[in-house]
Amino acid sequence: EAGDSGIPQVNTFDNQCVGTNIPTEYYTSCEKGMNDAFAEGPLVGSEVERLKVVLQDGANHAVDSSDMAFRTCMRNAIRDTIRKAAPSILEPVMTVEIDCPTEFQGSVVASVNKRMGVIQGSDVNDDGSGLKVVAEVPLANMFGYSTELRSQTQGKGEFSMEYFKHQPVPRNVQDELMQKYKEEQQEAA
């Protein structure tokens, strides 16, 4: 289960089994299988986050069932399900507050846009000398921004940022990351 409303903040395992189709001693093996599947995601090998696994039923075999069999079965079932669910790679997005003299507004806004930022607002100080720009920018695009801002504002600009949320990376970036991961896997083999 996953969805935009009520997305769990951590991976959760919900055992809703009723009856004895799966003996109780195998429940922890199923949860370990979930953790195994989430430790290395199918896209780029990154940890899978914010999913809920609901175990409703299963089957037991007197000879073939074991802790390892249930763990492996759960891991493989989750991996298959994730692949079919069209997963996406998430990246951290930061709220960035930039303070600078008003004469640099154009270049500051342009640099935020260049970094795939979304301007949320801007306010001019009461005396008209300073400007505060608030934007949401992917963290990966903020590297080197301090130097760029100083250069654009003759050393008069400052910024701060704090974590805001995770959001899916653009499709072209996801495709590049997946291709790079696939190449690394082939080289390691």
N, C-alpha and C. Protein backbone atom coordinates (compact mmCIF):
# COMPACT_ATOMS: atom_id res chain seq x y z
N GLU A 1 0.84 -1.18 0.00
CA GLU A 1 0.00 0.00 0.00
C GLU A 1 0.88 1.23 0.00
N ALA A 2 0.54 2.18 -0.82
CA ALA A 2 1.21 3.48 -0.80
C ALA A 2 0.27 4.48 -1.43
N GLY A 3 0.35 5.69 -1.03
CA GLY A 3 -0.49 6.72 -1.62
C GLY A 3 -0.05 8.08 -1.13
N ASP A 4 -0.45 9.13 -1.85
CA ASP A 4 -0.03 10.47 -1.49
C ASP A 4 -0.62 10.91 -0.16
N SER A 5 -1.84 10.51 0.13
CA SER A 5 -2.40 10.88 1.42
C SER A 5 -2.18 9.72 2.38
N GLY A 6 -1.58 10.03 3.49
CA GLY A 6 -1.34 8.99 4.48
C GLY A 6 -0.15 8.12 4.17
N ILE A 7 0.83 8.64 3.43
CA ILE A 7 2.04 7.88 3.15
C ILE A 7 2.77 7.69 4.47
N PRO A 8 3.12 6.44 4.81
CA PRO A 8 3.85 6.25 6.06
C PRO A 8 5.22 6.93 6.00
N GLN A 9 5.66 7.48 7.10
CA GLN A 9 6.97 8.13 7.13
C GLN A 9 8.10 7.11 7.18
N VAL A 10 7.80 5.92 7.61
CA VAL A 10 8.77 4.83 7.63
C VAL A 10 8.11 3.61 7.02
N ASN A 11 8.92 2.67 6.58
CA ASN A 11 8.37 1.43 6.06
C ASN A 11 7.68 0.68 7.20
N THR A 12 6.51 0.14 6.90
CA THR A 12 5.77 -0.58 7.93
C THR A 12 5.33 -1.94 7.43
N PHE A 13 5.22 -2.86 8.37
CA PHE A 13 4.78 -4.22 8.09
C PHE A 13 3.51 -4.44 8.90
N ASP A 14 2.42 -4.74 8.21
CA ASP A 14 1.13 -4.94 8.87
C ASP A 14 0.69 -6.38 8.64
N ASN A 15 0.74 -7.18 9.69
CA ASN A 15 0.36 -8.58 9.61
C ASN A 15 -1.14 -8.69 9.87
N GLN A 16 -1.89 -8.99 8.82
CA GLN A 16 -3.34 -9.15 8.96
C GLN A 16 -3.77 -10.60 8.74
N CYS A 17 -2.84 -11.52 8.93
CA CYS A 17 -3.15 -12.94 8.74
C CYS A 17 -4.13 -13.41 9.81
N VAL A 18 -5.09 -14.20 9.36
CA VAL A 18 -6.05 -14.83 10.26
C VAL A 18 -6.01 -16.31 9.94
N GLY A 19 -5.96 -17.12 10.96
CA GLY A 19 -5.90 -18.56 10.72
C GLY A 19 -4.47 -19.06 10.77
N THR A 20 -4.28 -20.26 10.25
CA THR A 20 -2.97 -20.91 10.39
C THR A 20 -2.32 -21.24 9.06
N ASN A 21 -2.72 -20.56 7.97
CA ASN A 21 -2.07 -20.82 6.68
C ASN A 21 -0.58 -20.53 6.74
N ILE A 22 -0.22 -19.47 7.45
CA ILE A 22 1.19 -19.18 7.71
C ILE A 22 1.40 -19.36 9.21
N PRO A 23 2.21 -20.32 9.62
CA PRO A 23 2.48 -20.49 11.05
C PRO A 23 3.10 -19.22 11.64
N THR A 24 2.75 -18.91 12.86
CA THR A 24 3.19 -17.66 13.49
C THR A 24 4.70 -17.54 13.57
N GLU A 25 5.43 -18.64 13.61
CA GLU A 25 6.90 -18.54 13.71
C GLU A 25 7.52 -17.98 12.43
N TYR A 26 6.76 -17.91 11.33
CA TYR A 26 7.29 -17.38 10.07
C TYR A 26 6.97 -15.91 9.84
N TYR A 27 6.20 -15.30 10.73
CA TYR A 27 5.87 -13.88 10.56
C TYR A 27 7.12 -13.00 10.58
N THR A 28 8.03 -13.27 11.51
CA THR A 28 9.26 -12.46 11.56
C THR A 28 10.11 -12.67 10.31
N SER A 29 10.07 -13.87 9.75
CA SER A 29 10.81 -14.12 8.50
C SER A 29 10.22 -13.30 7.36
N CYS A 30 8.91 -13.17 7.35
CA CYS A 30 8.25 -12.35 6.32
C CYS A 30 8.67 -10.88 6.47
N GLU A 31 8.72 -10.40 7.71
CA GLU A 31 9.13 -9.01 7.94
C GLU A 31 10.59 -8.81 7.56
N LYS A 32 11.45 -9.78 7.85
CA LYS A 32 12.86 -9.68 7.44
C LYS A 32 12.97 -9.67 5.92
N GLY A 33 12.14 -10.44 5.23
CA GLY A 33 12.12 -10.42 3.77
C GLY A 33 11.74 -9.06 3.23
N MET A 34 10.78 -8.40 3.90
CA MET A 34 10.41 -7.04 3.53
C MET A 34 11.61 -6.10 3.68
N ASN A 35 12.29 -6.20 4.81
CA ASN A 35 13.46 -5.35 5.04
C ASN A 35 14.56 -5.61 4.02
N ASP A 36 14.74 -6.87 3.63
CA ASP A 36 15.73 -7.21 2.60
C ASP A 36 15.37 -6.54 1.28
N ALA A 37 14.09 -6.60 0.91
CA ALA A 37 13.65 -6.01 -0.36
C ALA A 37 13.80 -4.50 -0.34
N PHE A 38 13.53 -3.87 0.81
CA PHE A 38 13.60 -2.42 0.91
C PHE A 38 15.04 -1.91 1.01
N ALA A 39 15.97 -2.77 1.40
CA ALA A 39 17.37 -2.34 1.56
C ALA A 39 18.01 -1.97 0.23
N GLU A 40 17.58 -2.61 -0.85
CA GLU A 40 18.15 -2.33 -2.17
C GLU A 40 17.03 -2.30 -3.20
N GLY A 41 16.65 -1.09 -3.58
CA GLY A 41 15.54 -0.92 -4.52
C GLY A 41 15.91 -1.31 -5.94
N PRO A 42 14.91 -1.50 -6.79
CA PRO A 42 15.14 -1.99 -8.14
C PRO A 42 15.65 -0.95 -9.13
N LEU A 43 15.52 0.34 -8.83
CA LEU A 43 15.90 1.35 -9.82
C LEU A 43 17.39 1.64 -9.83
N VAL A 44 17.92 2.04 -8.67
CA VAL A 44 19.34 2.39 -8.60
C VAL A 44 20.01 1.79 -7.37
N GLY A 45 19.37 0.83 -6.75
CA GLY A 45 19.96 0.17 -5.59
C GLY A 45 19.81 0.95 -4.30
N SER A 46 19.11 2.07 -4.33
CA SER A 46 18.90 2.86 -3.13
C SER A 46 17.82 2.25 -2.27
N GLU A 47 17.83 2.61 -1.01
CA GLU A 47 16.84 2.10 -0.07
C GLU A 47 15.43 2.54 -0.49
N VAL A 48 14.49 1.65 -0.36
CA VAL A 48 13.08 1.95 -0.65
C VAL A 48 12.47 2.51 0.62
N GLU A 49 11.73 3.62 0.49
CA GLU A 49 11.18 4.29 1.66
C GLU A 49 9.68 4.51 1.53
N ARG A 50 9.05 4.64 2.70
CA ARG A 50 7.66 5.08 2.82
C ARG A 50 6.65 4.13 2.19
N LEU A 51 6.84 2.86 2.40
CA LEU A 51 5.87 1.88 1.92
C LEU A 51 5.33 1.06 3.07
N LYS A 52 4.14 0.58 2.87
CA LYS A 52 3.50 -0.29 3.85
C LYS A 52 3.22 -1.62 3.18
N VAL A 53 3.65 -2.70 3.82
CA VAL A 53 3.39 -4.04 3.32
C VAL A 53 2.34 -4.67 4.22
N VAL A 54 1.29 -5.19 3.60
CA VAL A 54 0.22 -5.85 4.33
C VAL A 54 0.26 -7.33 3.99
N LEU A 55 0.50 -8.15 4.99
CA LEU A 55 0.49 -9.61 4.82
C LEU A 55 -0.90 -10.11 5.21
N GLN A 56 -1.62 -10.65 4.22
CA GLN A 56 -2.99 -11.08 4.49
C GLN A 56 -3.14 -12.60 4.54
N ASP A 57 -2.35 -13.31 3.74
CA ASP A 57 -2.51 -14.75 3.69
C ASP A 57 -1.28 -15.36 3.03
N GLY A 58 -1.20 -16.65 3.06
CA GLY A 58 -0.10 -17.36 2.44
C GLY A 58 -0.35 -18.85 2.52
N ALA A 59 0.68 -19.59 2.26
CA ALA A 59 0.56 -21.05 2.31
C ALA A 59 1.79 -21.63 2.98
N ASN A 60 1.60 -22.77 3.59
CA ASN A 60 2.66 -23.46 4.30
C ASN A 60 2.76 -24.88 3.74
N HIS A 61 3.99 -25.37 3.65
CA HIS A 61 4.20 -26.75 3.20
C HIS A 61 4.99 -27.46 4.29
N ALA A 62 4.55 -28.62 4.68
CA ALA A 62 5.16 -29.34 5.80
C ALA A 62 6.64 -29.62 5.58
N VAL A 63 7.07 -29.86 4.35
CA VAL A 63 8.46 -30.21 4.07
C VAL A 63 9.28 -29.00 3.61
N ASP A 64 8.73 -28.21 2.69
CA ASP A 64 9.50 -27.15 2.04
C ASP A 64 9.52 -25.82 2.78
N SER A 65 8.66 -25.59 3.74
CA SER A 65 8.61 -24.30 4.43
C SER A 65 9.73 -24.20 5.46
N SER A 66 10.33 -23.00 5.48
CA SER A 66 11.39 -22.71 6.45
C SER A 66 11.45 -21.19 6.62
N ASP A 67 12.22 -20.76 7.62
CA ASP A 67 12.41 -19.32 7.80
C ASP A 67 12.96 -18.69 6.53
N MET A 68 13.99 -19.32 5.95
CA MET A 68 14.62 -18.76 4.76
C MET A 68 13.66 -18.76 3.56
N ALA A 69 12.83 -19.78 3.44
CA ALA A 69 11.88 -19.85 2.32
C ALA A 69 10.87 -18.70 2.41
N PHE A 70 10.34 -18.43 3.60
CA PHE A 70 9.38 -17.34 3.75
C PHE A 70 10.05 -15.98 3.56
N ARG A 71 11.27 -15.85 4.05
CA ARG A 71 12.00 -14.60 3.89
C ARG A 71 12.26 -14.33 2.42
N THR A 72 12.74 -15.33 1.70
CA THR A 72 13.03 -15.19 0.27
C THR A 72 11.76 -14.92 -0.53
N CYS A 73 10.71 -15.63 -0.21
CA CYS A 73 9.44 -15.45 -0.91
C CYS A 73 8.91 -14.02 -0.74
N MET A 74 8.95 -13.51 0.48
CA MET A 74 8.48 -12.15 0.74
C MET A 74 9.34 -11.13 0.01
N ARG A 75 10.66 -11.31 0.07
CA ARG A 75 11.58 -10.39 -0.62
C ARG A 75 11.27 -10.34 -2.12
N ASN A 76 11.15 -11.51 -2.74
CA ASN A 76 10.91 -11.56 -4.18
C ASN A 76 9.53 -11.01 -4.56
N ALA A 77 8.54 -11.29 -3.74
CA ALA A 77 7.19 -10.78 -4.02
C ALA A 77 7.17 -9.25 -3.96
N ILE A 78 7.85 -8.69 -2.97
CA ILE A 78 7.89 -7.23 -2.85
C ILE A 78 8.66 -6.62 -4.00
N ARG A 79 9.80 -7.18 -4.36
CA ARG A 79 10.57 -6.65 -5.49
C ARG A 79 9.75 -6.66 -6.78
N ASP A 80 9.05 -7.75 -7.03
CA ASP A 80 8.20 -7.82 -8.23
C ASP A 80 7.11 -6.77 -8.20
N THR A 81 6.50 -6.60 -7.05
CA THR A 81 5.42 -5.62 -6.90
C THR A 81 5.95 -4.20 -7.10
N ILE A 82 7.10 -3.90 -6.55
CA ILE A 82 7.68 -2.56 -6.70
C ILE A 82 7.96 -2.28 -8.17
N ARG A 83 8.52 -3.23 -8.89
CA ARG A 83 8.81 -3.03 -10.31
C ARG A 83 7.54 -2.72 -11.10
N LYS A 84 6.45 -3.39 -10.76
CA LYS A 84 5.18 -3.20 -11.47
C LYS A 84 4.49 -1.89 -11.09
N ALA A 85 4.87 -1.31 -9.98
CA ALA A 85 4.19 -0.12 -9.47
C ALA A 85 4.72 1.19 -10.05
N ALA A 86 5.64 1.14 -11.00
CA ALA A 86 6.24 2.34 -11.59
C ALA A 86 6.84 3.24 -10.51
N PRO A 87 7.85 2.74 -9.79
CA PRO A 87 8.45 3.54 -8.72
C PRO A 87 9.23 4.73 -9.28
N SER A 88 9.53 5.66 -8.41
CA SER A 88 10.33 6.81 -8.82
C SER A 88 11.41 7.06 -7.78
N ILE A 89 12.46 7.70 -8.24
CA ILE A 89 13.57 8.09 -7.36
C ILE A 89 13.21 9.43 -6.75
N LEU A 90 13.35 9.54 -5.45
CA LEU A 90 13.05 10.78 -4.76
C LEU A 90 14.33 11.55 -4.47
N GLU A 91 14.20 12.87 -4.46
CA GLU A 91 15.33 13.71 -4.09
C GLU A 91 14.86 14.73 -3.06
N PRO A 92 15.76 15.14 -2.17
CA PRO A 92 15.38 16.15 -1.18
C PRO A 92 15.24 17.53 -1.83
N VAL A 93 14.22 18.24 -1.41
CA VAL A 93 13.98 19.61 -1.87
C VAL A 93 14.11 20.52 -0.65
N MET A 94 14.80 21.62 -0.86
CA MET A 94 15.07 22.54 0.23
C MET A 94 14.27 23.83 0.06
N THR A 95 13.87 24.43 1.18
CA THR A 95 13.34 25.78 1.15
C THR A 95 14.55 26.70 1.28
N VAL A 96 14.74 27.55 0.30
CA VAL A 96 15.90 28.44 0.25
C VAL A 96 15.43 29.88 0.42
N GLU A 97 16.03 30.59 1.36
CA GLU A 97 15.75 32.01 1.56
C GLU A 97 16.99 32.80 1.19
N ILE A 98 16.84 33.72 0.26
CA ILE A 98 17.96 34.51 -0.24
C ILE A 98 17.71 35.97 0.11
N ASP A 99 18.70 36.60 0.75
CA ASP A 99 18.65 38.03 1.05
C ASP A 99 19.72 38.72 0.22
N CYS A 100 19.32 39.78 -0.49
CA CYS A 100 20.27 40.51 -1.33
C CYS A 100 19.75 41.91 -1.59
N PRO A 101 20.61 42.80 -2.04
CA PRO A 101 20.14 44.13 -2.46
C PRO A 101 19.20 44.00 -3.67
N THR A 102 18.23 44.90 -3.76
CA THR A 102 17.21 44.80 -4.81
C THR A 102 17.77 44.88 -6.21
N GLU A 103 18.88 45.55 -6.41
CA GLU A 103 19.42 45.68 -7.78
C GLU A 103 19.89 44.35 -8.36
N PHE A 104 20.00 43.33 -7.52
CA PHE A 104 20.44 42.02 -8.01
C PHE A 104 19.28 41.03 -8.18
N GLN A 105 18.06 41.52 -8.08
CA GLN A 105 16.89 40.63 -8.14
C GLN A 105 16.87 39.79 -9.41
N GLY A 106 17.10 40.39 -10.55
CA GLY A 106 17.03 39.66 -11.82
C GLY A 106 18.01 38.51 -11.89
N SER A 107 19.26 38.77 -11.53
CA SER A 107 20.27 37.71 -11.61
C SER A 107 20.04 36.63 -10.56
N VAL A 108 19.55 37.01 -9.38
CA VAL A 108 19.28 36.03 -8.32
C VAL A 108 18.12 35.12 -8.73
N VAL A 109 17.05 35.70 -9.24
CA VAL A 109 15.90 34.89 -9.68
C VAL A 109 16.30 33.99 -10.84
N ALA A 110 17.10 34.51 -11.76
CA ALA A 110 17.56 33.70 -12.90
C ALA A 110 18.40 32.52 -12.42
N SER A 111 19.25 32.74 -11.41
CA SER A 111 20.09 31.65 -10.92
C SER A 111 19.26 30.58 -10.21
N VAL A 112 18.20 30.99 -9.52
CA VAL A 112 17.30 30.02 -8.88
C VAL A 112 16.58 29.21 -9.95
N ASN A 113 16.10 29.87 -10.98
CA ASN A 113 15.42 29.17 -12.08
C ASN A 113 16.37 28.21 -12.79
N LYS A 114 17.61 28.62 -12.97
CA LYS A 114 18.61 27.76 -13.62
C LYS A 114 18.83 26.48 -12.82
N ARG A 115 18.64 26.56 -11.53
CA ARG A 115 18.84 25.40 -10.65
C ARG A 115 17.54 24.63 -10.43
N MET A 116 16.58 24.82 -11.31
CA MET A 116 15.29 24.12 -11.26
C MET A 116 14.50 24.48 -10.00
N GLY A 117 14.73 25.69 -9.50
CA GLY A 117 14.00 26.15 -8.33
C GLY A 117 12.65 26.72 -8.70
N VAL A 118 11.75 26.71 -7.74
CA VAL A 118 10.42 27.30 -7.91
C VAL A 118 10.30 28.44 -6.91
N ILE A 119 10.17 29.65 -7.43
CA ILE A 119 10.05 30.83 -6.57
C ILE A 119 8.70 30.78 -5.86
N GLN A 120 8.72 30.88 -4.54
CA GLN A 120 7.49 30.87 -3.75
C GLN A 120 7.04 32.28 -3.40
N GLY A 121 7.98 33.21 -3.42
CA GLY A 121 7.63 34.59 -3.10
C GLY A 121 8.86 35.44 -2.96
N SER A 122 8.64 36.75 -3.01
CA SER A 122 9.73 37.70 -2.77
C SER A 122 9.14 38.94 -2.12
N ASP A 123 9.91 39.52 -1.21
CA ASP A 123 9.48 40.72 -0.49
C ASP A 123 10.62 41.72 -0.49
N VAL A 124 10.27 42.98 -0.70
CA VAL A 124 11.25 44.06 -0.62
C VAL A 124 11.17 44.65 0.78
N ASN A 125 12.34 44.99 1.35
CA ASN A 125 12.37 45.63 2.68
C ASN A 125 11.56 46.92 2.64
N ASP A 126 11.17 47.41 3.81
CA ASP A 126 10.39 48.64 3.90
C ASP A 126 11.11 49.83 3.27
N ASP A 127 12.42 49.89 3.42
CA ASP A 127 13.16 51.02 2.84
C ASP A 127 13.55 50.79 1.38
N GLY A 128 13.21 49.63 0.84
CA GLY A 128 13.46 49.35 -0.58
C GLY A 128 14.87 48.95 -0.92
N SER A 129 15.72 48.78 0.08
CA SER A 129 17.13 48.48 -0.20
C SER A 129 17.43 46.99 -0.32
N GLY A 130 16.62 46.17 0.30
CA GLY A 130 16.91 44.74 0.32
C GLY A 130 15.74 43.91 -0.16
N LEU A 131 16.05 42.71 -0.54
CA LEU A 131 15.06 41.80 -1.09
C LEU A 131 15.23 40.43 -0.46
N LYS A 132 14.11 39.78 -0.16
CA LYS A 132 14.14 38.40 0.32
C LYS A 132 13.38 37.56 -0.70
N VAL A 133 14.05 36.54 -1.24
CA VAL A 133 13.43 35.62 -2.20
C VAL A 133 13.33 34.26 -1.51
N VAL A 134 12.16 33.64 -1.58
CA VAL A 134 11.95 32.31 -1.02
C VAL A 134 11.64 31.37 -2.18
N ALA A 135 12.38 30.25 -2.22
CA ALA A 135 12.21 29.29 -3.31
C ALA A 135 12.35 27.87 -2.79
N GLU A 136 11.84 26.93 -3.58
CA GLU A 136 12.04 25.51 -3.31
C GLU A 136 12.97 24.98 -4.40
N VAL A 137 14.11 24.42 -3.97
CA VAL A 137 15.14 24.00 -4.92
C VAL A 137 15.63 22.60 -4.54
N PRO A 138 15.77 21.70 -5.52
CA PRO A 138 16.36 20.39 -5.22
C PRO A 138 17.77 20.56 -4.64
N LEU A 139 18.05 19.81 -3.59
CA LEU A 139 19.34 19.92 -2.91
C LEU A 139 20.51 19.66 -3.86
N ALA A 140 20.38 18.70 -4.75
CA ALA A 140 21.47 18.37 -5.67
C ALA A 140 21.85 19.56 -6.54
N ASN A 141 20.93 20.49 -6.75
CA ASN A 141 21.20 21.65 -7.60
C ASN A 141 21.76 22.83 -6.82
N MET A 142 21.91 22.69 -5.52
CA MET A 142 22.40 23.80 -4.70
C MET A 142 23.91 23.81 -4.50
N PHE A 143 24.59 22.77 -4.94
CA PHE A 143 26.04 22.74 -4.76
C PHE A 143 26.69 23.85 -5.59
N GLY A 144 27.55 24.62 -4.95
CA GLY A 144 28.22 25.73 -5.61
C GLY A 144 27.43 27.02 -5.62
N TYR A 145 26.25 27.01 -5.01
CA TYR A 145 25.41 28.21 -5.06
C TYR A 145 25.98 29.36 -4.25
N SER A 146 26.62 29.07 -3.15
CA SER A 146 27.18 30.12 -2.31
C SER A 146 28.16 30.98 -3.09
N THR A 147 29.04 30.34 -3.83
CA THR A 147 30.03 31.07 -4.64
C THR A 147 29.33 31.88 -5.74
N GLU A 148 28.35 31.25 -6.39
CA GLU A 148 27.63 31.95 -7.46
C GLU A 148 26.88 33.17 -6.93
N LEU A 149 26.23 33.02 -5.78
CA LEU A 149 25.48 34.13 -5.20
C LEU A 149 26.41 35.29 -4.82
N ARG A 150 27.53 34.97 -4.21
CA ARG A 150 28.50 36.03 -3.86
C ARG A 150 28.97 36.75 -5.12
N SER A 151 29.24 35.99 -6.16
CA SER A 151 29.70 36.57 -7.42
C SER A 151 28.63 37.48 -8.03
N GLN A 152 27.39 37.04 -8.01
CA GLN A 152 26.30 37.81 -8.63
C GLN A 152 25.94 39.07 -7.85
N THR A 153 26.20 39.07 -6.55
CA THR A 153 25.75 40.17 -5.70
C THR A 153 26.91 40.98 -5.11
N GLN A 154 28.08 40.84 -5.69
CA GLN A 154 29.28 41.54 -5.21
C GLN A 154 29.52 41.27 -3.73
N GLY A 155 29.24 40.04 -3.32
CA GLY A 155 29.47 39.63 -1.94
C GLY A 155 28.40 40.06 -0.96
N LYS A 156 27.33 40.68 -1.44
CA LYS A 156 26.30 41.21 -0.55
C LYS A 156 25.12 40.27 -0.35
N GLY A 157 25.06 39.19 -1.08
CA GLY A 157 23.94 38.26 -0.97
C GLY A 157 24.22 37.15 0.02
N GLU A 158 23.19 36.72 0.72
CA GLU A 158 23.28 35.61 1.66
C GLU A 158 22.10 34.68 1.43
N PHE A 159 22.28 33.42 1.80
CA PHE A 159 21.15 32.51 1.71
C PHE A 159 21.21 31.49 2.84
N SER A 160 20.06 30.94 3.14
CA SER A 160 19.96 29.83 4.08
C SER A 160 18.99 28.83 3.47
N MET A 161 19.13 27.59 3.88
CA MET A 161 18.20 26.58 3.37
C MET A 161 17.92 25.56 4.46
N GLU A 162 16.73 24.99 4.36
CA GLU A 162 16.35 23.91 5.27
C GLU A 162 15.51 22.91 4.50
N TYR A 163 15.53 21.68 5.00
CA TYR A 163 14.79 20.61 4.33
C TYR A 163 13.31 20.95 4.27
N PHE A 164 12.70 20.68 3.10
CA PHE A 164 11.27 20.90 2.93
C PHE A 164 10.52 19.59 2.70
N LYS A 165 10.94 18.81 1.70
CA LYS A 165 10.25 17.57 1.37
C LYS A 165 11.10 16.76 0.39
N HIS A 166 10.65 15.56 0.11
CA HIS A 166 11.21 14.76 -0.98
C HIS A 166 10.22 14.80 -2.14
N GLN A 167 10.74 14.83 -3.35
CA GLN A 167 9.88 14.77 -4.52
C GLN A 167 10.57 13.95 -5.60
N PRO A 168 9.80 13.39 -6.53
CA PRO A 168 10.42 12.60 -7.61
C PRO A 168 11.35 13.45 -8.47
N VAL A 169 12.46 12.85 -8.87
CA VAL A 169 13.37 13.53 -9.80
C VAL A 169 12.70 13.58 -11.17
N PRO A 170 13.12 14.51 -12.04
CA PRO A 170 12.59 14.52 -13.40
C PRO A 170 12.88 13.20 -14.11
N ARG A 171 12.03 12.84 -15.05
CA ARG A 171 12.14 11.54 -15.73
C ARG A 171 13.50 11.35 -16.40
N ASN A 172 14.01 12.40 -17.06
CA ASN A 172 15.31 12.26 -17.73
C ASN A 172 16.44 12.00 -16.73
N VAL A 173 16.37 12.60 -15.56
CA VAL A 173 17.38 12.36 -14.52
C VAL A 173 17.25 10.94 -14.00
N GLN A 174 16.02 10.47 -13.80
CA GLN A 174 15.82 9.10 -13.34
C GLN A 174 16.38 8.11 -14.35
N ASP A 175 16.12 8.35 -15.63
CA ASP A 175 16.64 7.45 -16.67
C ASP A 175 18.17 7.42 -16.67
N GLU A 176 18.80 8.59 -16.50
CA GLU A 176 20.27 8.66 -16.45
C GLU A 176 20.81 7.88 -15.25
N LEU A 177 20.19 8.07 -14.09
CA LEU A 177 20.63 7.37 -12.88
C LEU A 177 20.47 5.86 -13.02
N MET A 178 19.36 5.44 -13.62
CA MET A 178 19.12 4.01 -13.81
C MET A 178 20.14 3.41 -14.77
N GLN A 179 20.47 4.14 -15.84
CA GLN A 179 21.46 3.65 -16.80
C GLN A 179 22.83 3.54 -16.15
N LYS A 180 23.20 4.53 -15.37
CA LYS A 180 24.49 4.50 -14.67
C LYS A 180 24.56 3.32 -13.70
N TYR A 181 23.48 3.08 -12.97
CA TYR A 181 23.42 1.96 -12.03
C TYR A 181 23.55 0.63 -12.77
N LYS A 182 22.86 0.51 -13.89
CA LYS A 182 22.91 -0.72 -14.68
C LYS A 182 24.33 -0.97 -15.17
N GLU A 183 25.02 0.07 -15.63
CA GLU A 183 26.40 -0.07 -16.09
C GLU A 183 27.32 -0.49 -14.95
N GLU A 184 27.12 0.10 -13.77
CA GLU A 184 27.94 -0.27 -12.61
C GLU A 184 27.71 -1.72 -12.22
N GLN A 185 26.48 -2.17 -12.30
CA GLN A 185 26.16 -3.57 -11.98
C GLN A 185 26.83 -4.51 -12.98
N GLN A 186 26.85 -4.14 -14.25
CA GLN A 186 27.47 -4.99 -15.27
C GLN A 186 28.98 -5.04 -15.09
N GLU A 187 29.59 -3.91 -14.72
CA GLU A 187 31.03 -3.88 -14.48
C GLU A 187 31.41 -4.73 -13.28
N ALA A 188 30.56 -4.73 -12.26
CA ALA A 188 30.85 -5.49 -11.04
C ALA A 188 30.69 -7.00 -11.25
N ALA A 189 29.92 -7.37 -12.26
CA ALA A 189 29.65 -8.81 -12.50
C ALA A 189 30.79 -9.50 -13.21
